[in-house]
Amino acid sequence: MKQNLFLAAFALLLLGCGAQEQRDSNQQVFRYNESKGIPNLDPAFARSLPVIWPAHQLFNGLVQLSDSLTVEPCIAKSWDVSANGLEYTFHLRTDVFFHRSPLFGDNQQRRVVATDFVYSFCRIVNPSVASPGAWVFASLYTDKTGTTGGCLALNDSTLRLYLKNPFPAFLGQLSMPYAYVVPKEVVEYYGRDFGRNPIGTGPFYVKYWKEGEKLVMRRNPLYFEIDESGEALPYLEAVSITFTADKQSEFLEFMVGNLDFLSGVHASSKDELLTRSGNLNPKYKGEVTLVTGPYLNTEYLGFLVDSLVCAAQQGQLLNPKLRKAIAYGFDRRKMMTYLRSNMGYPAESGFIPLGMPGFNPELKGFTYNPTLARQLLAEAGYPQGKGLLPITISTTDDYVDICEFIQHQLGQIGIPIRVEVMPGATYRDMMANAKLTFFRGSWVADYADAENYLALFASHNFSPNGPNYTHFSSKVFDSLYRSASLEARAQKRYPIYQQMDSMVIGNAVVIPLYYDKVVRFTRANVKGLKANPMNLLSLKRVRKQKGS
């Protein structure tokens, strides 16, 4: 019945609108919907994609990431790093201007200078601002006040940053929204309302914003970047964002051409858009384009391996052979096909995900091998599961299907599993405070360096003060971690990262489930929109073809 109503509504909407006329009147406007809304556009609070995506159109930083995750110049045209890795000197472009604003005086424009970055970075670490991105600058040297010591404007076009310790991933961190530049006079005029009145340097500026209805960003005529042929960026005239909360309505608007872009696959439209194998439904060929690629998110099962805090009932999980039996006892490929329509990659290598520089496809992780699982179970002292107490997987309701799939398959080899579903806030609090002995987790990259993943297993990062939720501790691992932090050359760090990743898998501290996938649908007339492993939405090189 529900499906019939859905198809009827779809047909009525198709009949009731002049889809071609609508497309013709919006040729230079890129339209998408943000179902979760946008609370503000201050990069100091850009911690989730609904805010990061529009902020990425409005602001710039010293550096930016390519689609292949290499760090490239942006407002900084070049930079130098001292031999000891503690000083970064950035040479700024002199043709970058903030969006026009009356607060800049009669000509309403102002050039970006090095002191703007000093102000922007110090603002992020200012406790009164309470930015969730303060950690990005934790590696900067701090003076006695804990704020400004690590940033120095040598002149208008030269910025120097001082680090407390060498940290090669720092350059990648500077590509994050927290490191975008903002103008002091505008921020201080609006105060906490700056997020509703954003002024940046990006390819678009805010033209109109009515909360809960629409956000319109127009082409920035002052934008400094050009393409390879010398044409000014961006190509589009505007970006229009609506805020329809209902995902089915969003899908219908996309299908009739009122939206140009759809991100991800909602359960209500998955079977309509995709085949079981994860390809675009053939009936939409020529109308819709499917763009996919790796997304830096590893979904995994984690074990608390701290014998001092591990609950007595689950102490059996301190046995690595039992953990490995679990890891080999379920079929990731079948799981992805039937539960995710292959919208992800079975994680059969390490914890570092596909798409991250440093990923090692040669690392032999866990694959489905029930024979080996039974053998390991017996070696652990539980032949055919005899004497094994039920093992509880803690999760949230959006991953119940995966946990129940694992429960069923492990039950077939004698491993009894219980699935405990918890509210998200409770689950996160208990995981952070070492109260979950076996849990389903996710780790989405904050920046494009594999250190971001391996930090989860460093001893100094024990939760609740860090992201080491498993409490894995190894002097060898920690030594390798320190060695990698001293190696400025990425190609030299990768073998160290891969050795560390191999240790994590060898100890079965976590069981990778799958590496996520960026999934994007666009109307066929949209050109130049690519997928990237950080799932950033970059629109400055997007075009819309006329007459499509």
Protein backbone atom coordinates (compact mmCIF):
# COMPACT_ATOMS: atom_id res chain seq x y z
CA MET A 1 0.00 0.00 0.00
CA LYS A 2 2.77 2.42 1.00
CA GLN A 3 4.62 1.70 -2.27
CA ASN A 4 1.46 2.40 -4.33
CA LEU A 5 0.95 5.73 -2.57
CA PHE A 6 4.58 6.59 -3.20
CA LEU A 7 4.32 5.83 -6.93
CA ALA A 8 1.06 7.75 -7.20
CA ALA A 9 2.60 10.80 -5.56
CA PHE A 10 5.58 10.50 -7.87
CA ALA A 11 3.34 10.39 -10.95
CA LEU A 12 1.27 13.40 -9.83
CA LEU A 13 4.39 15.41 -9.20
CA LEU A 14 5.72 14.55 -12.63
CA LEU A 15 2.45 15.61 -14.29
CA GLY A 16 2.03 18.73 -12.20
CA CYS A 17 5.26 20.54 -12.98
CA GLY A 18 6.98 21.88 -16.02
CA ALA A 19 10.26 20.17 -15.28
CA GLN A 20 11.97 21.31 -18.48
CA GLU A 21 10.92 24.93 -17.97
CA GLN A 22 12.21 24.78 -14.41
CA ARG A 23 15.56 23.47 -15.60
CA ASP A 24 15.87 26.11 -18.29
CA SER A 25 15.34 28.91 -15.76
CA ASN A 26 18.01 27.55 -13.42
CA GLN A 27 20.84 26.74 -15.79
CA GLN A 28 23.52 28.51 -13.77
CA VAL A 29 22.10 27.70 -10.31
CA PHE A 30 23.20 24.54 -8.53
CA ARG A 31 20.40 23.32 -6.25
CA TYR A 32 20.56 20.85 -3.42
CA ASN A 33 18.64 20.09 -0.23
CA GLU A 34 20.02 19.91 3.29
CA SER A 35 17.53 17.84 5.27
CA LYS A 36 19.29 18.42 8.61
CA GLY A 37 19.30 22.19 8.28
CA ILE A 38 22.20 24.61 8.72
CA PRO A 39 22.45 26.13 12.22
CA ASN A 40 25.17 28.65 11.33
CA LEU A 41 28.01 29.24 8.87
CA ASP A 42 30.84 30.17 11.20
CA PRO A 43 33.82 27.92 10.30
CA ALA A 44 34.71 27.84 14.00
CA PHE A 45 31.75 25.47 14.40
CA ALA A 46 31.99 23.53 11.13
CA ARG A 47 32.11 20.05 12.64
CA SER A 48 29.45 18.28 10.50
CA LEU A 49 28.86 18.02 6.75
CA PRO A 50 25.65 20.14 6.73
CA VAL A 51 27.82 23.08 7.86
CA ILE A 52 31.13 22.08 6.25
CA TRP A 53 29.65 21.92 2.74
CA PRO A 54 28.33 25.50 2.52
CA ALA A 55 31.27 26.82 4.58
CA HIS A 56 33.59 25.30 1.98
CA GLN A 57 31.95 27.52 -0.66
CA LEU A 58 32.25 30.67 1.49
CA PHE A 59 35.73 30.44 3.03
CA ASN A 60 39.32 29.49 2.24
CA GLY A 61 42.40 28.53 4.21
CA LEU A 62 46.12 28.60 3.70
CA VAL A 63 46.00 25.26 1.89
CA GLN A 64 43.42 22.97 0.32
CA LEU A 65 43.08 19.30 -0.59
CA SER A 66 42.96 17.92 -4.10
CA ASP A 67 40.51 15.13 -4.91
CA SER A 68 43.41 12.71 -4.39
CA LEU A 69 44.05 14.25 -0.92
CA THR A 70 47.34 15.97 -1.70
CA VAL A 71 47.86 19.29 0.08
CA GLU A 72 47.89 22.14 -2.43
CA PRO A 73 48.28 25.93 -2.26
CA CYS A 74 45.25 28.12 -1.65
CA ILE A 75 45.66 31.55 -0.02
CA ALA A 76 49.24 30.50 0.69
CA LYS A 77 50.98 30.27 -2.68
CA SER A 78 53.93 28.40 -1.14
CA TRP A 79 55.45 27.42 2.21
CA ASP A 80 58.70 26.29 3.81
CA VAL A 81 59.19 23.86 6.68
CA SER A 82 62.30 24.06 8.85
CA ALA A 83 64.65 21.10 9.03
CA ASN A 84 63.52 20.26 12.57
CA GLY A 85 59.84 20.34 11.53
CA LEU A 86 58.95 23.02 14.08
CA GLU A 87 58.56 26.12 11.89
CA TYR A 88 56.15 26.55 8.98
CA THR A 89 56.51 29.74 6.94
CA PHE A 90 53.64 30.54 4.54
CA HIS A 91 53.92 33.03 1.69
CA LEU A 92 50.49 34.48 0.98
CA ARG A 93 48.93 35.59 -2.26
CA THR A 94 48.38 39.34 -2.52
CA ASP A 95 45.23 39.15 -4.64
CA VAL A 96 42.82 37.57 -2.12
CA PHE A 97 39.96 39.75 -0.86
CA PHE A 98 37.15 39.18 1.61
CA HIS A 99 33.59 39.33 0.32
CA ARG A 100 32.28 42.87 0.08
CA SER A 101 30.93 44.35 3.32
CA PRO A 102 30.07 47.91 4.49
CA LEU A 103 32.27 47.16 7.50
CA PHE A 104 35.33 47.46 5.25
CA GLY A 105 34.69 51.16 4.52
CA ASP A 106 33.67 53.04 1.41
CA ASN A 107 34.97 50.56 -1.17
CA GLN A 108 33.49 47.65 0.85
CA GLN A 109 36.43 45.35 0.25
CA ARG A 110 39.67 44.44 1.98
CA ARG A 111 42.68 42.32 1.13
CA VAL A 112 43.58 39.32 3.28
CA VAL A 113 46.86 39.73 5.18
CA ALA A 114 48.86 37.53 7.53
CA THR A 115 47.41 39.11 10.69
CA ASP A 116 43.98 37.82 9.59
CA PHE A 117 45.25 34.27 10.03
CA VAL A 118 46.80 35.11 13.39
CA TYR A 119 43.42 36.45 14.52
CA SER A 120 41.49 33.51 13.03
CA PHE A 121 43.69 30.83 14.61
CA CYS A 122 43.81 32.52 18.01
CA ARG A 123 40.03 32.87 17.89
CA ILE A 124 39.63 29.11 17.46
CA VAL A 125 41.65 28.32 20.59
CA ASN A 126 40.04 31.10 22.65
CA PRO A 127 38.02 29.34 25.40
CA SER A 128 35.31 32.00 25.25
CA VAL A 129 34.58 31.05 21.64
CA ALA A 130 34.26 27.37 22.61
CA SER A 131 35.07 26.10 19.12
CA PRO A 132 35.09 22.28 18.82
CA GLY A 133 38.09 22.73 16.52
CA ALA A 134 40.51 24.03 19.15
CA TRP A 135 42.31 20.67 19.08
CA VAL A 136 43.50 21.38 15.51
CA PHE A 137 45.96 23.92 16.90
CA ALA A 138 47.01 21.87 19.92
CA SER A 139 50.37 21.22 18.26
CA LEU A 140 51.16 24.96 18.04
CA TYR A 141 53.58 26.45 20.52
CA THR A 142 51.67 28.43 23.18
CA ASP A 143 52.81 31.29 25.37
CA LYS A 144 51.95 31.68 29.04
CA THR A 145 48.42 32.77 28.18
CA GLY A 146 47.91 29.59 26.15
CA THR A 147 46.89 31.44 23.00
CA THR A 148 49.04 33.45 20.61
CA GLY A 149 52.57 32.13 20.91
CA GLY A 150 52.52 29.90 17.86
CA CYS A 151 51.37 32.43 15.23
CA LEU A 152 53.40 35.36 13.95
CA ALA A 153 52.79 37.71 11.02
CA LEU A 154 56.26 38.62 9.73
CA ASN A 155 54.66 41.06 7.28
CA ASP A 156 51.38 41.33 5.35
CA SER A 157 52.22 38.39 3.10
CA THR A 158 54.29 36.15 5.37
CA LEU A 159 52.93 34.01 8.21
CA ARG A 160 55.02 31.83 10.48
CA LEU A 161 53.66 29.05 12.70
CA TYR A 162 55.69 27.44 15.49
CA LEU A 163 55.01 23.88 16.64
CA LYS A 164 55.81 22.44 20.06
CA ASN A 165 56.81 19.12 18.52
CA PRO A 166 57.20 17.88 14.95
CA PHE A 167 53.85 16.79 13.52
CA PRO A 168 53.83 16.07 9.75
CA ALA A 169 50.03 15.77 9.63
CA PHE A 170 49.72 19.42 10.69
CA LEU A 171 49.72 20.69 7.10
CA GLY A 172 46.72 18.48 6.32
CA GLN A 173 44.94 19.78 9.40
CA LEU A 174 45.27 23.31 8.05
CA SER A 175 42.95 22.34 5.18
CA MET A 176 40.09 21.86 7.66
CA PRO A 177 37.30 24.48 8.00
CA TYR A 178 38.53 25.41 11.48
CA ALA A 179 41.62 26.90 9.78
CA TYR A 180 39.65 29.10 7.35
CA VAL A 181 40.39 32.81 7.54
CA VAL A 182 37.80 35.31 8.84
CA PRO A 183 37.89 39.14 9.08
CA LYS A 184 38.31 40.54 12.59
CA GLU A 185 36.16 43.65 12.09
CA VAL A 186 33.19 41.63 10.84
CA VAL A 187 33.46 38.93 13.50
CA GLU A 188 33.72 41.46 16.28
CA TYR A 189 30.84 43.53 14.92
CA TYR A 190 28.44 40.58 14.79
CA GLY A 191 29.85 38.60 17.70
CA ARG A 192 28.05 35.29 18.07
CA ASP A 193 25.83 36.25 15.12
CA PHE A 194 28.76 36.05 12.71
CA GLY A 195 27.55 32.56 11.81
CA ARG A 196 24.35 34.15 10.47
CA ASN A 197 26.29 36.91 8.65
CA PRO A 198 29.36 35.15 7.29
CA ILE A 199 32.02 37.01 5.33
CA GLY A 200 34.81 34.94 3.84
CA THR A 201 37.00 34.74 0.76
CA GLY A 202 35.38 31.77 -1.00
CA PRO A 203 34.02 31.36 -4.53
CA PHE A 204 30.49 32.24 -3.32
CA TYR A 205 28.99 34.69 -0.83
CA VAL A 206 25.67 34.66 1.04
CA LYS A 207 22.97 36.57 -0.84
CA TYR A 208 19.81 35.38 0.93
CA TRP A 209 19.12 33.19 3.94
CA LYS A 210 15.77 32.44 5.51
CA GLU A 211 16.05 29.82 8.21
CA GLY A 212 14.23 26.61 7.43
CA GLU A 213 13.39 27.75 3.90
CA LYS A 214 16.32 28.62 1.63
CA LEU A 215 19.95 29.70 1.51
CA VAL A 216 21.23 31.33 -1.69
CA MET A 217 24.92 31.90 -2.35
CA ARG A 218 25.99 34.03 -5.34
CA ARG A 219 29.17 33.95 -7.41
CA ASN A 220 31.98 35.98 -5.82
CA PRO A 221 33.28 38.44 -8.47
CA LEU A 222 36.41 39.02 -6.37
CA TYR A 223 37.42 35.35 -6.27
CA PHE A 224 41.12 34.76 -6.91
CA GLU A 225 41.36 31.26 -8.45
CA ILE A 226 41.37 30.55 -12.18
CA ASP A 227 41.27 27.27 -14.07
CA GLU A 228 43.96 25.79 -16.32
CA SER A 229 42.79 27.83 -19.33
CA GLY A 230 42.72 31.09 -17.39
CA GLU A 231 38.95 31.23 -16.88
CA ALA A 232 37.82 32.68 -13.57
CA LEU A 233 36.27 30.38 -11.00
CA PRO A 234 33.55 29.56 -10.10
CA TYR A 235 31.61 28.76 -13.25
CA LEU A 236 28.19 28.74 -11.59
CA GLU A 237 26.25 31.93 -10.88
CA ALA A 238 24.64 30.69 -7.69
CA VAL A 239 24.05 27.84 -5.26
CA SER A 240 20.57 27.36 -3.81
CA ILE A 241 20.01 25.19 -0.73
CA THR A 242 16.58 24.16 0.55
CA PHE A 243 15.78 22.57 3.91
CA THR A 244 13.14 19.91 3.33
CA ALA A 245 13.41 17.50 6.24
CA ASP A 246 11.52 14.60 4.63
CA LYS A 247 13.90 12.41 2.62
CA GLN A 248 11.15 11.02 0.39
CA SER A 249 10.10 14.54 -0.61
CA GLU A 250 13.75 15.37 -1.28
CA PHE A 251 14.01 12.35 -3.56
CA LEU A 252 10.90 13.33 -5.52
CA GLU A 253 12.20 16.86 -5.99
CA PHE A 254 15.43 15.43 -7.39
CA MET A 255 13.66 13.04 -9.73
CA VAL A 256 11.55 15.80 -11.34
CA GLY A 257 14.58 18.04 -11.82
CA ASN A 258 13.99 20.59 -9.05
CA LEU A 259 17.25 19.53 -7.37
CA ASP A 260 20.56 18.90 -9.13
CA PHE A 261 22.22 16.76 -6.50
CA LEU A 262 21.39 14.01 -4.05
CA SER A 263 23.91 12.74 -1.50
CA GLY A 264 23.79 9.21 -0.17
CA VAL A 265 21.02 6.66 -0.42
CA HIS A 266 18.04 6.70 1.90
CA ALA A 267 16.26 3.43 2.63
CA SER A 268 13.03 4.71 1.06
CA SER A 269 14.67 5.32 -2.34
CA LYS A 270 17.50 2.77 -2.39
CA ASP A 271 15.67 0.11 -4.38
CA GLU A 272 14.36 2.70 -6.83
CA LEU A 273 17.77 4.19 -7.63
CA LEU A 274 20.10 1.22 -7.32
CA THR A 275 20.34 -2.39 -8.38
CA ARG A 276 21.24 -5.04 -5.80
CA SER A 277 24.86 -4.85 -6.98
CA GLY A 278 25.00 -1.12 -6.31
CA ASN A 279 24.76 0.18 -9.87
CA LEU A 280 22.39 2.87 -11.11
CA ASN A 281 18.94 1.58 -12.06
CA PRO A 282 19.13 1.26 -15.89
CA LYS A 283 15.83 3.12 -16.38
CA TYR A 284 17.51 6.35 -15.26
CA LYS A 285 20.38 6.13 -17.74
CA GLY A 286 20.75 9.46 -19.50
CA GLU A 287 18.80 11.32 -16.82
CA VAL A 288 20.84 10.70 -13.70
CA THR A 289 24.57 10.23 -13.09
CA LEU A 290 25.88 8.08 -10.22
CA VAL A 291 29.25 9.15 -8.81
CA THR A 292 30.95 6.95 -6.22
CA GLY A 293 34.36 6.63 -4.62
CA PRO A 294 36.07 5.79 -1.34
CA TYR A 295 35.01 7.71 1.76
CA LEU A 296 37.42 7.93 4.69
CA ASN A 297 35.26 6.14 7.22
CA THR A 298 36.05 2.75 8.70
CA GLU A 299 33.17 0.86 10.30
CA TYR A 300 34.45 -1.66 12.80
CA LEU A 301 33.91 -3.81 15.87
CA GLY A 302 36.12 -2.87 18.80
CA PHE A 303 37.24 -4.81 21.88
CA LEU A 304 38.18 -3.38 25.24
CA VAL A 305 41.52 -5.13 25.84
CA ASP A 306 42.36 -3.46 29.14
CA SER A 307 42.52 -6.27 31.71
CA LEU A 308 42.24 -3.77 34.56
CA VAL A 309 38.80 -2.52 33.55
CA CYS A 310 37.39 -5.35 31.43
CA ALA A 311 34.23 -6.73 33.03
CA ALA A 312 34.62 -10.22 34.48
CA GLN A 313 31.91 -11.73 32.28
CA GLN A 314 33.53 -10.45 29.11
CA GLY A 315 37.08 -11.14 30.27
CA GLN A 316 37.10 -14.03 27.85
CA LEU A 317 37.49 -11.44 25.08
CA LEU A 318 41.02 -10.75 26.30
CA ASN A 319 41.93 -13.98 24.48
CA PRO A 320 43.18 -12.90 21.01
CA LYS A 321 42.28 -16.27 19.46
CA LEU A 322 38.65 -15.78 20.42
CA ARG A 323 38.70 -12.29 18.93
CA LYS A 324 40.18 -13.68 15.72
CA ALA A 325 37.57 -16.45 15.61
CA ILE A 326 34.91 -13.73 15.66
CA ALA A 327 36.77 -11.80 12.95
CA TYR A 328 36.91 -14.76 10.56
CA GLY A 329 33.40 -15.97 11.35
CA PHE A 330 31.19 -13.71 9.18
CA ASP A 331 30.99 -12.83 5.49
CA ARG A 332 31.61 -9.11 4.88
CA ARG A 333 30.95 -9.38 1.14
CA LYS A 334 27.53 -10.92 1.62
CA MET A 335 26.83 -8.38 4.36
CA MET A 336 27.58 -5.47 2.00
CA THR A 337 25.59 -6.92 -0.88
CA TYR A 338 22.42 -7.69 1.04
CA LEU A 339 22.42 -4.97 3.69
CA ARG A 340 24.14 -2.04 1.96
CA SER A 341 23.62 -2.66 -1.79
CA ASN A 342 27.42 -2.59 -2.06
CA MET A 343 27.51 1.03 -0.94
CA GLY A 344 30.82 0.39 0.75
CA TYR A 345 33.87 -1.83 0.38
CA PRO A 346 34.32 -5.01 2.48
CA ALA A 347 37.16 -4.28 4.90
CA GLU A 348 39.57 -7.11 4.21
CA SER A 349 42.78 -5.17 4.84
CA GLY A 350 43.64 -2.97 7.82
CA PHE A 351 42.03 -0.24 9.89
CA ILE A 352 43.35 2.49 7.57
CA PRO A 353 40.56 2.81 4.97
CA LEU A 354 40.64 2.56 1.20
CA GLY A 355 41.26 6.02 -0.24
CA MET A 356 43.59 7.20 2.52
CA PRO A 357 47.22 7.72 1.50
CA GLY A 358 49.05 4.92 3.29
CA PHE A 359 46.31 2.32 2.76
CA ASN A 360 47.96 -1.05 2.15
CA PRO A 361 45.99 -3.37 -0.16
CA GLU A 362 48.60 -6.08 0.48
CA LEU A 363 47.83 -6.21 4.21
CA LYS A 364 45.95 -9.46 4.73
CA GLY A 365 43.17 -8.70 7.15
CA PHE A 366 40.14 -10.78 8.06
CA THR A 367 38.12 -12.58 5.40
CA TYR A 368 35.27 -15.04 5.77
CA ASN A 369 36.79 -18.38 6.79
CA PRO A 370 34.44 -20.41 9.04
CA THR A 371 36.84 -23.37 9.10
CA LEU A 372 39.64 -21.22 10.49
CA ALA A 373 37.18 -19.54 12.86
CA ARG A 374 36.19 -22.93 14.33
CA GLN A 375 39.85 -23.91 14.66
CA LEU A 376 40.70 -20.67 16.50
CA LEU A 377 37.66 -21.12 18.71
CA ALA A 378 38.92 -24.55 19.75
CA GLU A 379 42.45 -23.22 20.31
CA ALA A 380 40.99 -20.51 22.52
CA GLY A 381 39.55 -23.27 24.73
CA TYR A 382 35.98 -23.25 23.45
CA PRO A 383 35.59 -26.18 20.98
CA GLN A 384 32.32 -25.69 19.10
CA GLY A 385 31.57 -22.90 21.56
CA LYS A 386 31.44 -25.11 24.64
CA GLY A 387 31.95 -23.14 27.83
CA LEU A 388 31.69 -19.80 26.04
CA LEU A 389 29.50 -17.23 27.77
CA PRO A 390 27.20 -15.12 25.57
CA ILE A 391 29.07 -12.14 24.12
CA THR A 392 27.29 -8.78 23.91
CA ILE A 393 27.77 -6.38 20.99
CA SER A 394 26.73 -2.83 21.93
CA THR A 395 25.43 -0.65 19.12
CA THR A 396 22.95 2.04 18.14
CA ASP A 397 19.72 1.41 16.26
CA ASP A 398 21.09 2.43 12.83
CA TYR A 399 23.48 -0.57 12.82
CA VAL A 400 21.20 -3.23 14.26
CA ASP A 401 20.85 -5.00 10.91
CA ILE A 402 24.62 -5.46 10.59
CA CYS A 403 25.00 -6.65 14.18
CA GLU A 404 22.14 -9.13 13.77
CA PHE A 405 23.73 -10.44 10.56
CA ILE A 406 26.99 -11.01 12.47
CA GLN A 407 25.03 -12.56 15.34
CA HIS A 408 23.42 -15.08 12.99
CA GLN A 409 26.63 -16.09 11.22
CA LEU A 410 28.69 -16.41 14.40
CA GLY A 411 25.92 -18.50 15.95
CA GLN A 412 26.44 -21.05 13.19
CA ILE A 413 30.01 -21.70 14.35
CA GLY A 414 29.17 -21.81 18.05
CA ILE A 415 29.76 -18.22 19.19
CA PRO A 416 26.68 -16.93 21.06
CA ILE A 417 26.08 -13.22 20.47
CA ARG A 418 23.65 -10.81 22.07
CA VAL A 419 22.90 -7.44 20.44
CA GLU A 420 22.44 -4.57 22.87
CA VAL A 421 20.86 -1.48 21.30
CA MET A 422 21.53 1.79 23.12
CA PRO A 423 20.60 5.47 22.63
CA GLY A 424 23.35 7.31 20.81
CA ALA A 425 24.35 9.61 23.68
CA THR A 426 24.49 6.74 26.18
CA TYR A 427 26.46 4.57 23.77
CA ARG A 428 29.07 7.28 23.10
CA ASP A 429 29.45 8.07 26.79
CA MET A 430 29.92 4.44 27.78
CA MET A 431 32.38 3.79 24.95
CA ALA A 432 34.43 6.85 25.91
CA ASN A 433 34.53 5.79 29.55
CA ALA A 434 35.63 2.17 28.89
CA LYS A 435 32.30 0.66 29.90
CA LEU A 436 31.71 -1.31 26.68
CA THR A 437 33.76 -4.46 26.18
CA PHE A 438 32.59 -5.18 22.60
CA PHE A 439 31.13 -2.39 20.50
CA ARG A 440 30.34 -1.30 16.98
CA GLY A 441 32.27 1.86 16.08
CA SER A 442 32.96 4.27 13.23
CA TRP A 443 35.94 6.48 12.59
CA VAL A 444 35.63 9.25 10.00
CA ALA A 445 38.85 11.03 9.08
CA ASP A 446 39.22 14.59 10.36
CA TYR A 447 42.20 15.20 8.08
CA ALA A 448 43.92 13.36 5.26
CA ASP A 449 46.71 11.56 7.09
CA ALA A 450 46.66 7.96 8.31
CA GLU A 451 47.96 9.16 11.68
CA ASN A 452 44.35 10.16 12.32
CA TYR A 453 43.41 6.44 12.39
CA LEU A 454 46.47 5.06 14.14
CA ALA A 455 46.12 7.60 16.96
CA LEU A 456 43.24 5.39 18.18
CA PHE A 457 45.79 2.84 19.37
CA ALA A 458 48.49 5.03 20.92
CA SER A 459 48.87 4.60 24.67
CA HIS A 460 48.82 8.33 25.40
CA ASN A 461 45.34 8.54 23.86
CA PHE A 462 43.53 6.27 26.34
CA SER A 463 39.90 7.29 26.63
CA PRO A 464 38.24 9.28 28.14
CA ASN A 465 41.06 11.77 27.42
CA GLY A 466 41.65 10.49 23.89
CA PRO A 467 40.18 8.27 21.16
CA ASN A 468 41.84 4.98 22.23
CA TYR A 469 38.55 3.31 23.18
CA THR A 470 40.06 -0.18 23.14
CA HIS A 471 42.86 0.75 25.59
CA PHE A 472 45.33 -1.12 23.39
CA SER A 473 48.86 -0.55 24.68
CA SER A 474 52.12 -1.56 23.02
CA LYS A 475 55.61 -0.10 23.52
CA VAL A 476 56.54 -1.17 19.99
CA PHE A 477 53.48 0.53 18.51
CA ASP A 478 54.12 3.71 20.51
CA SER A 479 57.74 3.75 19.33
CA LEU A 480 56.64 3.47 15.70
CA TYR A 481 54.09 6.22 16.28
CA ARG A 482 56.85 8.54 17.53
CA SER A 483 59.07 7.61 14.58
CA ALA A 484 56.31 8.49 12.11
CA SER A 485 55.77 11.84 13.82
CA LEU A 486 59.41 12.74 13.16
CA GLU A 487 59.31 11.83 9.46
CA ALA A 488 58.36 14.84 7.32
CA ARG A 489 58.31 12.92 4.04
CA ALA A 490 54.95 11.26 3.42
CA GLN A 491 56.40 8.44 1.33
CA LYS A 492 58.72 7.57 4.21
CA ARG A 493 55.89 7.61 6.75
CA TYR A 494 53.65 5.20 4.82
CA PRO A 495 55.72 2.04 5.53
CA ILE A 496 55.71 2.93 9.23
CA TYR A 497 51.95 3.48 9.16
CA GLN A 498 51.47 0.13 7.43
CA GLN A 499 53.58 -1.67 10.04
CA MET A 500 51.45 -0.13 12.79
CA ASP A 501 48.24 -1.07 10.98
CA SER A 502 49.49 -4.64 10.68
CA MET A 503 50.07 -4.75 14.45
CA VAL A 504 46.49 -3.63 15.13
CA ILE A 505 45.09 -6.36 12.88
CA GLY A 506 47.56 -8.98 14.15
CA ASN A 507 46.33 -8.40 17.70
CA ALA A 508 42.67 -8.31 16.59
CA VAL A 509 42.12 -5.18 18.66
CA VAL A 510 39.44 -4.16 16.19
CA ILE A 511 37.61 -6.02 13.44
CA PRO A 512 37.14 -3.80 10.38
CA LEU A 513 33.71 -4.32 8.82
CA TYR A 514 33.73 -2.07 5.76
CA TYR A 515 35.26 1.05 4.30
CA ASP A 516 32.58 3.55 3.46
CA LYS A 517 31.73 4.91 0.04
CA VAL A 518 30.82 8.39 -1.18
CA VAL A 519 27.55 8.09 -3.13
CA ARG A 520 26.32 11.02 -5.19
CA PHE A 521 23.54 11.35 -7.72
CA THR A 522 23.38 14.32 -10.08
CA ARG A 523 21.14 15.31 -12.94
CA ALA A 524 22.78 14.48 -16.27
CA ASN A 525 23.41 18.14 -17.14
CA VAL A 526 25.68 18.64 -14.12
CA LYS A 527 29.36 18.36 -15.07
CA GLY A 528 32.51 18.50 -13.02
CA LEU A 529 31.15 17.30 -9.68
CA LYS A 530 33.50 14.59 -8.43
CA ALA A 531 33.69 12.37 -5.39
CA ASN A 532 36.58 12.74 -2.98
CA PRO A 533 37.52 10.61 0.04
CA MET A 534 36.83 13.43 2.53
CA ASN A 535 33.31 13.79 1.06
CA LEU A 536 33.81 17.52 0.61
CA LEU A 537 31.37 19.28 -1.70
CA SER A 538 33.45 21.49 -3.98
CA LEU A 539 31.37 23.49 -6.46
CA LYS A 540 33.84 25.99 -7.89
CA ARG A 541 34.53 23.79 -10.96
CA VAL A 542 30.96 22.58 -11.51
CA ARG A 543 29.03 23.53 -14.66
CA LYS A 544 25.46 22.98 -15.78
CA GLN A 545 24.99 22.33 -19.47
CA LYS A 546 22.26 24.21 -21.25
CA GLY A 547 19.44 22.42 -23.00
CA SER A 548 19.88 19.17 -21.03
